[in-house]
């Protein structure tokens, strides 16, 4: 089952907040990107890059 469009919108809003220097929930963004990567192979690499960048161990 593909995630609802609202998950893609949520991630978009979170990334906009990051780009603008506003606070955002890193864990939630990473979880959304991981879920999206699992069901959308066409954007999997981009979502994995987001996951890696937001990893607290990085």
PDB file of N, CA and C in Angstrom:
ATOM      1  N   UNK A   1       0.842  -1.188   0.000  1.00  0.00           N
ATOM      2  CA  UNK A   1       0.000   0.000   0.000  1.00  0.00           C
ATOM      3  C   UNK A   1       0.885   1.248   0.000  1.00  0.00           C
ATOM      4  N   UNK A   2       0.602   2.163  -0.889  1.00  0.00           N
ATOM      5  CA  UNK A   2       1.386   3.396  -0.963  1.00  0.00           C
ATOM      6  C   UNK A   2       0.924   4.370   0.112  1.00  0.00           C
ATOM      7  N   UNK A   3       1.874   5.149   0.667  1.00  0.00           N
ATOM      8  CA  UNK A   3       1.469   6.094   1.693  1.00  0.00           C
ATOM      9  C   UNK A   3       0.558   7.163   1.104  1.00  0.00           C
ATOM     10  N   UNK A   4      -0.296   7.675   1.929  1.00  0.00           N
ATOM     11  CA  UNK A   4      -1.187   8.749   1.494  1.00  0.00           C
ATOM     12  C   UNK A   4      -0.365   9.979   1.146  1.00  0.00           C
ATOM     13  N   UNK A   5      -0.932  10.786   0.306  1.00  0.00           N
ATOM     14  CA  UNK A   5      -0.234  12.012  -0.094  1.00  0.00           C
ATOM     15  C   UNK A   5       0.103  12.891   1.101  1.00  0.00           C
ATOM     16  N   UNK A   6      -0.656  12.752   2.164  1.00  0.00           N
ATOM     17  CA  UNK A   6      -0.383  13.616   3.318  1.00  0.00           C
ATOM     18  C   UNK A   6       0.993  13.322   3.912  1.00  0.00           C
ATOM     19  N   UNK A   7       1.502  12.081   3.783  1.00  0.00           N
ATOM     20  CA  UNK A   7       2.849  11.787   4.284  1.00  0.00           C
ATOM     21  C   UNK A   7       3.904  12.516   3.454  1.00  0.00           C
ATOM     22  N   UNK A   8       3.708  12.549   2.155  1.00  0.00           N
ATOM     23  CA  UNK A   8       4.633  13.291   1.298  1.00  0.00           C
ATOM     24  C   UNK A   8       4.572  14.785   1.602  1.00  0.00           C
ATOM     25  N   UNK A   9       3.357  15.285   1.834  1.00  0.00           N
ATOM     26  CA  UNK A   9       3.204  16.705   2.188  1.00  0.00           C
ATOM     27  C   UNK A   9       3.844  16.997   3.540  1.00  0.00           C
ATOM     28  N   UNK A  10       3.645  16.095   4.496  1.00  0.00           N
ATOM     29  CA  UNK A  10       4.246  16.284   5.818  1.00  0.00           C
ATOM     30  C   UNK A  10       5.756  16.399   5.702  1.00  0.00           C
ATOM     31  N   UNK A  11       6.365  15.490   4.965  1.00  0.00           N
ATOM     32  CA  UNK A  11       7.816  15.529   4.801  1.00  0.00           C
ATOM     33  C   UNK A  11       8.241  16.813   4.109  1.00  0.00           C
ATOM     34  N   UNK A  12       7.488  17.225   3.125  1.00  0.00           N
ATOM     35  CA  UNK A  12       7.787  18.473   2.431  1.00  0.00           C
ATOM     36  C   UNK A  12       7.783  19.664   3.386  1.00  0.00           C
ATOM     37  N   UNK A  13       6.777  19.732   4.238  1.00  0.00           N
ATOM     38  CA  UNK A  13       6.685  20.836   5.207  1.00  0.00           C
ATOM     39  C   UNK A  13       7.839  20.787   6.211  1.00  0.00           C
ATOM     40  N   UNK A  14       8.199  19.588   6.618  1.00  0.00           N
ATOM     41  CA  UNK A  14       9.311  19.450   7.559  1.00  0.00           C
ATOM     42  C   UNK A  14      10.606  19.914   6.916  1.00  0.00           C
ATOM     43  N   UNK A  15      10.836  19.513   5.653  1.00  0.00           N
ATOM     44  CA  UNK A  15      12.062  19.922   4.966  1.00  0.00           C
ATOM     45  C   UNK A  15      12.084  21.428   4.704  1.00  0.00           C
ATOM     46  N   UNK A  16      10.936  22.015   4.464  1.00  0.00           N
ATOM     47  CA  UNK A  16      10.866  23.473   4.310  1.00  0.00           C
ATOM     48  C   UNK A  16      11.253  24.148   5.619  1.00  0.00           C
ATOM     49  N   UNK A  17      10.761  23.633   6.726  1.00  0.00           N
ATOM     50  CA  UNK A  17      11.105  24.195   8.035  1.00  0.00           C
ATOM     51  C   UNK A  17      12.611  24.108   8.256  1.00  0.00           C
ATOM     52  N   UNK A  18      13.197  22.965   7.923  1.00  0.00           N
ATOM     53  CA  UNK A  18      14.647  22.808   8.074  1.00  0.00           C
ATOM     54  C   UNK A  18      15.390  23.844   7.225  1.00  0.00           C
ATOM     55  N   UNK A  19      14.973  23.990   5.968  1.00  0.00           N
ATOM     56  CA  UNK A  19      15.639  24.922   5.061  1.00  0.00           C
ATOM     57  C   UNK A  19      15.534  26.369   5.538  1.00  0.00           C
ATOM     58  N   UNK A  20      14.435  26.681   6.214  1.00  0.00           N
ATOM     59  CA  UNK A  20      14.223  28.043   6.710  1.00  0.00           C
ATOM     60  C   UNK A  20      14.792  28.255   8.104  1.00  0.00           C
ATOM     61  N   UNK A  21      15.383  27.219   8.678  1.00  0.00           N
ATOM     62  CA  UNK A  21      15.991  27.359   9.993  1.00  0.00           C
ATOM     63  C   UNK A  21      15.010  27.284  11.150  1.00  0.00           C
ATOM     64  N   UNK A  22      13.789  26.830  10.859  1.00  0.00           N
ATOM     65  CA  UNK A  22      12.795  26.683  11.920  1.00  0.00           C
ATOM     66  C   UNK A  22      12.957  25.312  12.572  1.00  0.00           C
ATOM     67  N   UNK A  23      12.500  25.186  13.810  1.00  0.00           N
ATOM     68  CA  UNK A  23      12.584  23.881  14.472  1.00  0.00           C
ATOM     69  C   UNK A  23      11.726  22.849  13.742  1.00  0.00           C
ATOM     70  N   UNK A  24      12.176  21.593  13.765  1.00  0.00           N
ATOM     71  CA  UNK A  24      11.423  20.509  13.145  1.00  0.00           C
ATOM     72  C   UNK A  24      11.781  19.217  13.858  1.00  0.00           C
ATOM     73  N   UNK A  25      10.942  18.231  13.696  1.00  0.00           N
ATOM     74  CA  UNK A  25      11.114  16.933  14.353  1.00  0.00           C
ATOM     75  C   UNK A  25      11.943  16.018  13.448  1.00  0.00           C
ATOM     76  N   UNK A  26      13.225  15.894  13.775  1.00  0.00           N
ATOM     77  CA  UNK A  26      14.145  15.099  12.966  1.00  0.00           C
ATOM     78  C   UNK A  26      13.726  13.635  12.907  1.00  0.00           C
ATOM     79  N   UNK A  27      13.325  13.082  14.040  1.00  0.00           N
ATOM     80  CA  UNK A  27      12.938  11.670  14.078  1.00  0.00           C
ATOM     81  C   UNK A  27      11.727  11.404  13.200  1.00  0.00           C
ATOM     82  N   UNK A  28      10.746  12.287  13.272  1.00  0.00           N
ATOM     83  CA  UNK A  28       9.543  12.122  12.467  1.00  0.00           C
ATOM     84  C   UNK A  28       9.886  12.223  10.977  1.00  0.00           C
ATOM     85  N   UNK A  29      10.725  13.171  10.621  1.00  0.00           N
ATOM     86  CA  UNK A  29      11.131  13.330   9.221  1.00  0.00           C
ATOM     87  C   UNK A  29      11.858  12.084   8.739  1.00  0.00           C
ATOM     88  N   UNK A  30      12.764  11.559   9.554  1.00  0.00           N
ATOM     89  CA  UNK A  30      13.515  10.360   9.176  1.00  0.00           C
ATOM     90  C   UNK A  30      12.582   9.164   9.008  1.00  0.00           C
ATOM     91  N   UNK A  31      11.611   9.015   9.923  1.00  0.00           N
ATOM     92  CA  UNK A  31      10.653   7.915   9.827  1.00  0.00           C
ATOM     93  C   UNK A  31       9.784   8.025   8.575  1.00  0.00           C
ATOM     94  N   UNK A  32       9.325   9.229   8.283  1.00  0.00           N
ATOM     95  CA  UNK A  32       8.527   9.437   7.070  1.00  0.00           C
ATOM     96  C   UNK A  32       9.335   9.084   5.827  1.00  0.00           C
ATOM     97  N   UNK A  33      10.575   9.562   5.763  1.00  0.00           N
ATOM     98  CA  UNK A  33      11.417   9.293   4.593  1.00  0.00           C
ATOM     99  C   UNK A  33      11.661   7.793   4.437  1.00  0.00           C
ATOM    100  N   UNK A  34      11.847   7.092   5.533  1.00  0.00           N
ATOM    101  CA  UNK A  34      12.077   5.645   5.469  1.00  0.00           C
ATOM    102  C   UNK A  34      10.832   4.924   4.965  1.00  0.00           C
ATOM    103  N   UNK A  35       9.666   5.312   5.455  1.00  0.00           N
ATOM    104  CA  UNK A  35       8.424   4.683   4.995  1.00  0.00           C
ATOM    105  C   UNK A  35       8.198   4.953   3.512  1.00  0.00           C
ATOM    106  N   UNK A  36       8.427   6.184   3.110  1.00  0.00           N
ATOM    107  CA  UNK A  36       8.235   6.548   1.700  1.00  0.00           C
ATOM    108  C   UNK A  36       9.215   5.778   0.820  1.00  0.00           C
ATOM    109  N   UNK A  37      10.462   5.627   1.270  1.00  0.00           N
ATOM    110  CA  UNK A  37      11.480   4.890   0.498  1.00  0.00           C
ATOM    111  C   UNK A  37      11.064   3.445   0.272  1.00  0.00           C
ATOM    112  N   UNK A  38      10.406   2.864   1.244  1.00  0.00           N
ATOM    113  CA  UNK A  38      10.013   1.458   1.130  1.00  0.00           C
ATOM    114  C   UNK A  38       8.911   1.220   0.104  1.00  0.00           C
ATOM    115  N   UNK A  39       8.091   2.201  -0.153  1.00  0.00           N
ATOM    116  CA  UNK A  39       6.964   1.986  -1.060  1.00  0.00           C
ATOM    117  C   UNK A  39       7.069   2.745  -2.383  1.00  0.00           C
ATOM    118  N   UNK A  40       8.043   3.624  -2.499  1.00  0.00           N
ATOM    119  CA  UNK A  40       8.234   4.385  -3.737  1.00  0.00           C
ATOM    120  C   UNK A  40       9.663   4.180  -4.250  1.00  0.00           C
ATOM    121  N   UNK A  41       9.908   3.079  -4.935  1.00  0.00           N
ATOM    122  CA  UNK A  41      11.273   2.812  -5.394  1.00  0.00           C
ATOM    123  C   UNK A  41      11.831   3.897  -6.314  1.00  0.00           C
ATOM    124  N   UNK A  42      10.957   4.610  -6.984  1.00  0.00           N
ATOM    125  CA  UNK A  42      11.431   5.647  -7.911  1.00  0.00           C
ATOM    126  C   UNK A  42      12.095   6.822  -7.201  1.00  0.00           C
ATOM    127  N   UNK A  43      11.832   7.006  -5.917  1.00  0.00           N
ATOM    128  CA  UNK A  43      12.481   8.086  -5.157  1.00  0.00           C
ATOM    129  C   UNK A  43      13.225   7.546  -3.937  1.00  0.00           C
ATOM    130  N   UNK A  44      13.461   6.258  -3.921  1.00  0.00           N
ATOM    131  CA  UNK A  44      14.106   5.600  -2.773  1.00  0.00           C
ATOM    132  C   UNK A  44      15.459   6.217  -2.433  1.00  0.00           C
ATOM    133  N   UNK A  45      16.293   6.454  -3.430  1.00  0.00           N
ATOM    134  CA  UNK A  45      17.634   6.998  -3.161  1.00  0.00           C
ATOM    135  C   UNK A  45      17.555   8.375  -2.495  1.00  0.00           C
ATOM    136  N   UNK A  46      16.658   9.215  -2.956  1.00  0.00           N
ATOM    137  CA  UNK A  46      16.499  10.546  -2.344  1.00  0.00           C
ATOM    138  C   UNK A  46      16.033  10.428  -0.900  1.00  0.00           C
ATOM    139  N   UNK A  47      15.097   9.519  -0.652  1.00  0.00           N
ATOM    140  CA  UNK A  47      14.583   9.338   0.709  1.00  0.00           C
ATOM    141  C   UNK A  47      15.669   8.769   1.625  1.00  0.00           C
ATOM    142  N   UNK A  48      16.492   7.886   1.098  1.00  0.00           N
ATOM    143  CA  UNK A  48      17.597   7.341   1.902  1.00  0.00           C
ATOM    144  C   UNK A  48      18.620   8.416   2.231  1.00  0.00           C
ATOM    145  N   UNK A  49      18.842   9.330   1.315  1.00  0.00           N
ATOM    146  CA  UNK A  49      19.763  10.437   1.590  1.00  0.00           C
ATOM    147  C   UNK A  49      19.229  11.300   2.727  1.00  0.00           C
ATOM    148  N   UNK A  50      17.929  11.525   2.750  1.00  0.00           N
ATOM    149  CA  UNK A  50      17.308  12.290   3.835  1.00  0.00           C
ATOM    150  C   UNK A  50      17.489  11.535   5.147  1.00  0.00           C
ATOM    151  N   UNK A  51      17.234  10.231   5.132  1.00  0.00           N
ATOM    152  CA  UNK A  51      17.395   9.417   6.340  1.00  0.00           C
ATOM    153  C   UNK A  51      18.824   9.511   6.875  1.00  0.00           C
ATOM    154  N   UNK A  52      19.792   9.381   5.993  1.00  0.00           N
ATOM    155  CA  UNK A  52      21.200   9.451   6.402  1.00  0.00           C
ATOM    156  C   UNK A  52      21.542  10.811   6.981  1.00  0.00           C
ATOM    157  N   UNK A  53      21.068  11.860   6.347  1.00  0.00           N
ATOM    158  CA  UNK A  53      21.384  13.221   6.798  1.00  0.00           C
ATOM    159  C   UNK A  53      20.769  13.522   8.162  1.00  0.00           C
ATOM    160  N   UNK A  54      19.604  12.935   8.438  1.00  0.00           N
ATOM    161  CA  UNK A  54      18.910  13.199   9.689  1.00  0.00           C
ATOM    162  C   UNK A  54      19.251  12.191  10.783  1.00  0.00           C
ATOM    163  N   UNK A  55      20.124  11.246  10.479  1.00  0.00           N
ATOM    164  CA  UNK A  55      20.500  10.228  11.463  1.00  0.00           C
ATOM    165  C   UNK A  55      21.283  10.907  12.595  1.00  0.00           C
ATOM    166  N   UNK A  56      20.846  10.715  13.835  1.00  0.00           N
ATOM    167  CA  UNK A  56      21.526  11.371  14.960  1.00  0.00           C
ATOM    168  C   UNK A  56      22.950  10.875  15.169  1.00  0.00           C
ATOM    169  N   UNK A  57      23.289   9.721  14.605  1.00  0.00           N
ATOM    170  CA  UNK A  57      24.649   9.192  14.759  1.00  0.00           C
ATOM    171  C   UNK A  57      25.604   9.781  13.737  1.00  0.00           C
ATOM    172  N   UNK A  58      25.071  10.512  12.761  1.00  0.00           N
ATOM    173  CA  UNK A  58      25.914  11.069  11.692  1.00  0.00           C
ATOM    174  C   UNK A  58      26.641  12.308  12.149  1.00  0.00           C
TER     175      UNK A  58
END
